[in-house]
Amino acid sequence: MSQLPRDTPQFYLTSPTPCPYLAGQTERKVFTHLVGRRARDLNDVLTHGGFRRSQTIAYRPACEGCRACISVRVCVKDFRPSASMKRVMKANADIVGEMKVNKPTSEHYSLFRGYLDARHGEGGMADMTVLDFAMMVEDSHVETSVVEYRQRRIDTAITGKSKGPLMGVSLTDILSDGLSMVYSFFEPDLVDRSLGTVMILDHIARAKSLGLPYLYLGYWVEGSQKMDYKGRFKPQERLMPEGWTRVER
């Protein structure tokens, strides 16, 4: 009897659960484990096929009769910010991002908890404890970083010691062809700053500086208020049945 190598991925299918994006719909996911020496290469391959990572799991929607979740990636080289994005960048010139090792802190969790309570109090992550959060940040077999966003103080760029308050955090994977924003959260009370947009624009700039062609944003769901914003960052490619398809407008 032949046996599969230990590094060969095995895929599983979840039971139906209520869809978090479209009312009245159910969702199912196909998933596999990202562990071992081949985890990084497997994460690359699966991301190209529309999967997302959560800790040591790679998953993608496998819903019967629905294909609303579409993987999107921004074409970094050709991206040009819109007029409104330029205004957001100007208004947040005092925000500075720093890429760090994926180690959780109490400051991270405090911001994360406030974000969940304000934005996703009824979501599937609402009951996450500090231990759950630590696992989400640290439990990775691929190259993962934390990008912190803080308000710039007078001598931040001079000494690095006067760091302002934490405004946002992104858990980010570094792939062979891009950056992937696994999960992001920010100060929920600062609605006028559009911090989510700030973080995406910063990641586009980071990917460009690293010579990486794409920024992976996860799933875009047309008609979903939670996910519709991702469609604004163009040009982008969307994973359609025929493959990655470029969208200009």
Protein backbone atom coordinates (compact mmCIF):
# COMPACT_ATOMS: atom_id res chain seq x y z
CA MET A 1 0.00 0.00 0.00
CA SER A 2 1.42 3.39 -0.99
CA GLN A 3 1.60 6.17 1.56
CA LEU A 4 1.61 9.92 1.05
CA PRO A 5 4.75 11.77 2.20
CA ARG A 6 4.25 13.63 5.48
CA ASP A 7 4.63 16.98 3.69
CA THR A 8 1.92 16.19 1.12
CA PRO A 9 -1.09 18.40 1.93
CA GLN A 10 -4.43 16.80 2.68
CA PHE A 11 -7.57 18.86 2.18
CA TYR A 12 -10.74 18.90 4.27
CA LEU A 13 -14.19 20.47 3.92
CA THR A 14 -16.02 22.27 6.71
CA SER A 15 -19.70 21.91 7.51
CA PRO A 16 -22.04 24.72 6.37
CA THR A 17 -22.18 27.79 8.63
CA PRO A 18 -23.90 31.21 8.24
CA CYS A 19 -22.08 33.46 5.77
CA PRO A 20 -20.50 36.50 7.48
CA TYR A 21 -20.73 38.61 4.33
CA LEU A 22 -24.06 37.94 2.60
CA ALA A 23 -27.29 37.71 4.58
CA GLY A 24 -29.23 34.48 4.21
CA GLN A 25 -26.30 32.58 2.72
CA THR A 26 -24.23 29.75 4.16
CA GLU A 27 -20.53 29.13 3.66
CA ARG A 28 -18.21 26.15 3.51
CA LYS A 29 -14.44 26.17 3.34
CA VAL A 30 -11.84 23.79 2.03
CA PHE A 31 -8.67 23.85 4.13
CA THR A 32 -5.31 22.25 4.72
CA HIS A 33 -2.47 22.55 7.23
CA LEU A 34 0.58 24.77 6.65
CA VAL A 35 3.28 23.03 8.67
CA GLY A 36 6.72 21.58 8.14
CA ARG A 37 9.61 22.50 5.89
CA ARG A 38 7.42 23.00 2.80
CA ALA A 39 4.97 25.38 4.50
CA ARG A 40 6.35 28.52 2.87
CA ASP A 41 6.31 27.11 -0.67
CA LEU A 42 2.87 25.62 -0.12
CA ASN A 43 1.56 28.94 1.17
CA ASP A 44 2.83 30.62 -2.01
CA VAL A 45 1.16 28.06 -4.28
CA LEU A 46 -2.13 28.10 -2.39
CA THR A 47 -2.25 31.89 -2.21
CA HIS A 48 -1.88 31.98 -6.00
CA GLY A 49 -4.88 29.64 -6.07
CA GLY A 50 -7.07 31.89 -3.92
CA PHE A 51 -6.36 30.53 -0.44
CA ARG A 52 -5.85 32.62 2.68
CA ARG A 53 -3.79 31.84 5.77
CA SER A 54 -5.01 31.74 9.37
CA GLN A 55 -2.29 30.55 11.75
CA THR A 56 -1.24 27.12 10.41
CA ILE A 57 -4.34 26.71 8.23
CA ALA A 58 -4.78 27.68 4.57
CA TYR A 59 -8.41 27.93 3.48
CA ARG A 60 -10.65 29.13 0.69
CA PRO A 61 -14.44 29.30 0.24
CA ALA A 62 -16.09 26.23 -1.26
CA CYS A 63 -19.74 27.24 -1.14
CA GLU A 64 -22.37 25.40 -3.15
CA GLY A 65 -23.98 27.66 -5.74
CA CYS A 66 -22.10 30.82 -4.73
CA ARG A 67 -18.84 32.31 -6.02
CA ALA A 68 -19.16 35.77 -4.48
CA CYS A 69 -15.79 35.65 -2.66
CA ILE A 70 -13.15 36.66 -5.19
CA SER A 71 -9.45 36.82 -4.37
CA VAL A 72 -7.88 40.18 -5.26
CA ARG A 73 -4.31 41.41 -5.51
CA VAL A 74 -3.18 44.96 -6.27
CA CYS A 75 -0.80 45.45 -9.19
CA VAL A 76 1.83 47.38 -7.27
CA LYS A 77 3.95 48.71 -10.14
CA ASP A 78 1.02 50.32 -11.97
CA PHE A 79 -0.95 51.48 -8.94
CA ARG A 80 -1.68 55.19 -8.72
CA PRO A 81 -3.60 56.58 -5.72
CA SER A 82 -6.87 58.35 -6.44
CA ALA A 83 -7.47 61.96 -5.42
CA SER A 84 -9.28 60.84 -2.27
CA MET A 85 -6.44 58.47 -1.38
CA LYS A 86 -3.93 61.30 -1.77
CA ARG A 87 -6.01 63.38 0.66
CA VAL A 88 -5.97 60.49 3.14
CA MET A 89 -2.20 60.19 2.80
CA LYS A 90 -1.75 63.93 3.39
CA ALA A 91 -4.05 63.91 6.40
CA ASN A 92 -2.04 61.05 7.91
CA ALA A 93 1.45 62.33 7.24
CA ASP A 94 2.06 62.02 10.98
CA ILE A 95 1.60 58.22 10.88
CA VAL A 96 4.72 56.07 10.51
CA GLY A 97 4.82 52.30 9.94
CA GLU A 98 7.47 49.88 11.13
CA MET A 99 7.83 46.21 10.15
CA LYS A 100 8.76 44.02 13.13
CA VAL A 101 8.97 40.36 14.11
CA ASN A 102 5.63 38.65 14.70
CA LYS A 103 5.63 38.85 18.48
CA PRO A 104 2.39 39.91 20.23
CA THR A 105 2.36 42.58 22.93
CA SER A 106 -0.19 43.73 25.47
CA GLU A 107 -0.44 46.98 23.50
CA HIS A 108 -1.34 45.01 20.36
CA TYR A 109 -4.03 43.06 22.19
CA SER A 110 -5.55 46.16 23.77
CA LEU A 111 -5.93 47.76 20.34
CA PHE A 112 -7.22 44.49 18.86
CA ARG A 113 -9.80 44.12 21.64
CA GLY A 114 -11.06 47.67 21.18
CA TYR A 115 -11.28 47.18 17.42
CA LEU A 116 -13.28 43.95 17.74
CA ASP A 117 -15.67 45.37 20.32
CA ALA A 118 -16.36 48.43 18.18
CA ARG A 119 -16.44 46.88 14.70
CA HIS A 120 -17.06 43.13 14.99
CA GLY A 121 -18.75 42.55 18.33
CA GLU A 122 -20.95 39.81 16.86
CA GLY A 123 -18.29 38.23 14.66
CA GLY A 124 -16.57 34.89 14.97
CA MET A 125 -13.49 36.46 16.59
CA ALA A 126 -15.39 38.35 19.29
CA ASP A 127 -14.54 35.84 22.03
CA MET A 128 -10.80 35.70 21.34
CA THR A 129 -8.72 35.75 24.51
CA VAL A 130 -5.23 37.15 24.88
CA LEU A 131 -3.90 33.60 24.38
CA ASP A 132 -5.95 33.22 21.18
CA PHE A 133 -4.53 36.51 19.95
CA ALA A 134 -0.97 35.48 20.74
CA MET A 135 -1.48 32.28 18.76
CA MET A 136 -2.89 34.22 15.81
CA VAL A 137 0.24 36.39 15.67
CA GLU A 138 2.94 33.85 16.50
CA ASP A 139 1.62 30.55 15.15
CA SER A 140 3.07 30.67 11.64
CA HIS A 141 5.35 28.33 9.69
CA VAL A 142 5.83 30.92 6.93
CA GLU A 143 7.62 34.27 6.82
CA THR A 144 5.38 36.62 8.78
CA SER A 145 5.84 40.12 10.19
CA VAL A 146 3.88 42.61 12.23
CA VAL A 147 3.64 46.13 10.83
CA GLU A 148 2.96 48.71 13.54
CA TYR A 149 1.54 52.15 12.76
CA ARG A 150 2.19 54.93 15.26
CA GLN A 151 1.71 58.64 15.42
CA ARG A 152 5.02 60.33 14.72
CA ARG A 153 6.56 62.37 17.51
CA ILE A 154 9.08 65.18 17.01
CA ASP A 155 12.19 63.04 17.40
CA THR A 156 10.83 59.70 16.18
CA ALA A 157 12.99 59.71 13.07
CA ILE A 158 16.01 61.07 14.94
CA THR A 159 16.37 58.86 18.01
CA GLY A 160 13.61 56.30 17.56
CA LYS A 161 12.84 56.60 21.26
CA SER A 162 9.87 58.93 21.20
CA LYS A 163 7.26 56.61 19.75
CA GLY A 164 3.71 57.85 19.67
CA PRO A 165 0.52 55.92 20.40
CA LEU A 166 -0.22 52.73 18.50
CA MET A 167 -2.81 53.46 15.79
CA GLY A 168 -2.91 50.24 13.78
CA VAL A 169 -1.37 46.82 13.27
CA SER A 170 -1.17 44.47 10.30
CA LEU A 171 -0.16 40.82 10.42
CA THR A 172 1.58 40.42 7.07
CA ASP A 173 3.03 37.44 5.19
CA ILE A 174 5.99 37.89 2.84
CA LEU A 175 5.43 35.78 -0.28
CA SER A 176 7.69 35.17 -3.26
CA ASP A 177 5.68 37.62 -5.39
CA GLY A 178 4.07 39.95 -2.91
CA LEU A 179 2.89 40.89 0.54
CA SER A 180 -0.31 39.40 1.95
CA MET A 181 -2.26 41.31 4.59
CA VAL A 182 -3.46 38.42 6.74
CA TYR A 183 -5.32 40.49 9.34
CA SER A 184 -5.37 44.18 10.19
CA PHE A 185 -6.90 46.22 12.99
CA PHE A 186 -6.74 49.85 14.03
CA GLU A 187 -8.01 52.48 16.45
CA PRO A 188 -11.79 52.38 15.85
CA ASP A 189 -12.55 55.86 17.18
CA LEU A 190 -10.47 57.63 14.52
CA VAL A 191 -12.95 57.13 11.68
CA ASP A 192 -11.99 60.38 9.92
CA ARG A 193 -8.40 59.20 9.48
CA SER A 194 -9.37 56.22 7.27
CA LEU A 195 -6.62 54.16 8.88
CA GLY A 196 -7.54 51.02 6.91
CA THR A 197 -6.79 52.89 3.69
CA VAL A 198 -3.55 54.25 5.16
CA MET A 199 -2.34 50.74 5.98
CA ILE A 200 -3.14 49.38 2.52
CA LEU A 201 -1.41 52.30 0.80
CA ASP A 202 1.63 51.79 3.02
CA HIS A 203 1.73 48.08 2.14
CA ILE A 204 1.56 48.90 -1.56
CA ALA A 205 4.57 51.18 -1.10
CA ARG A 206 6.40 48.49 0.91
CA ALA A 207 5.79 45.84 -1.73
CA LYS A 208 7.06 48.22 -4.42
CA SER A 209 10.22 49.01 -2.44
CA LEU A 210 10.86 45.27 -2.03
CA GLY A 211 10.48 44.69 -5.77
CA LEU A 212 7.35 42.56 -5.25
CA PRO A 213 4.64 42.85 -7.92
CA TYR A 214 1.52 42.25 -5.80
CA LEU A 215 -0.27 43.09 -2.59
CA TYR A 216 -2.78 40.37 -1.70
CA LEU A 217 -5.88 41.75 0.03
CA GLY A 218 -7.89 38.57 0.49
CA TYR A 219 -11.48 38.30 -0.67
CA TRP A 220 -13.51 40.98 -2.37
CA VAL A 221 -17.27 40.48 -2.11
CA GLU A 222 -19.36 42.72 -4.32
CA GLY A 223 -22.33 44.01 -2.37
CA SER A 224 -20.75 43.36 1.01
CA GLN A 225 -20.09 46.56 2.97
CA LYS A 226 -17.33 44.76 4.91
CA MET A 227 -15.36 43.81 1.82
CA ASP A 228 -16.38 46.19 -0.96
CA TYR A 229 -13.62 48.72 -0.15
CA LYS A 230 -10.98 46.38 -1.61
CA GLY A 231 -12.29 47.05 -5.10
CA ARG A 232 -11.05 50.65 -4.94
CA PHE A 233 -7.36 49.76 -5.20
CA LYS A 234 -6.77 49.48 -8.93
CA PRO A 235 -5.38 48.23 -11.16
CA GLN A 236 -5.86 44.87 -9.52
CA GLU A 237 -6.20 41.27 -10.54
CA ARG A 238 -9.16 39.14 -9.52
CA LEU A 239 -9.08 35.35 -9.51
CA MET A 240 -11.79 34.26 -11.91
CA PRO A 241 -12.56 30.74 -13.22
CA GLU A 242 -10.26 31.43 -16.18
CA GLY A 243 -7.44 32.65 -13.93
CA TRP A 244 -6.15 35.98 -12.61
CA THR A 245 -7.89 38.72 -14.58
CA ARG A 246 -6.74 42.34 -14.58
CA VAL A 247 -9.30 45.02 -13.69
CA GLU A 248 -8.40 48.63 -14.50
CA ARG A 249 -11.47 50.53 -13.37
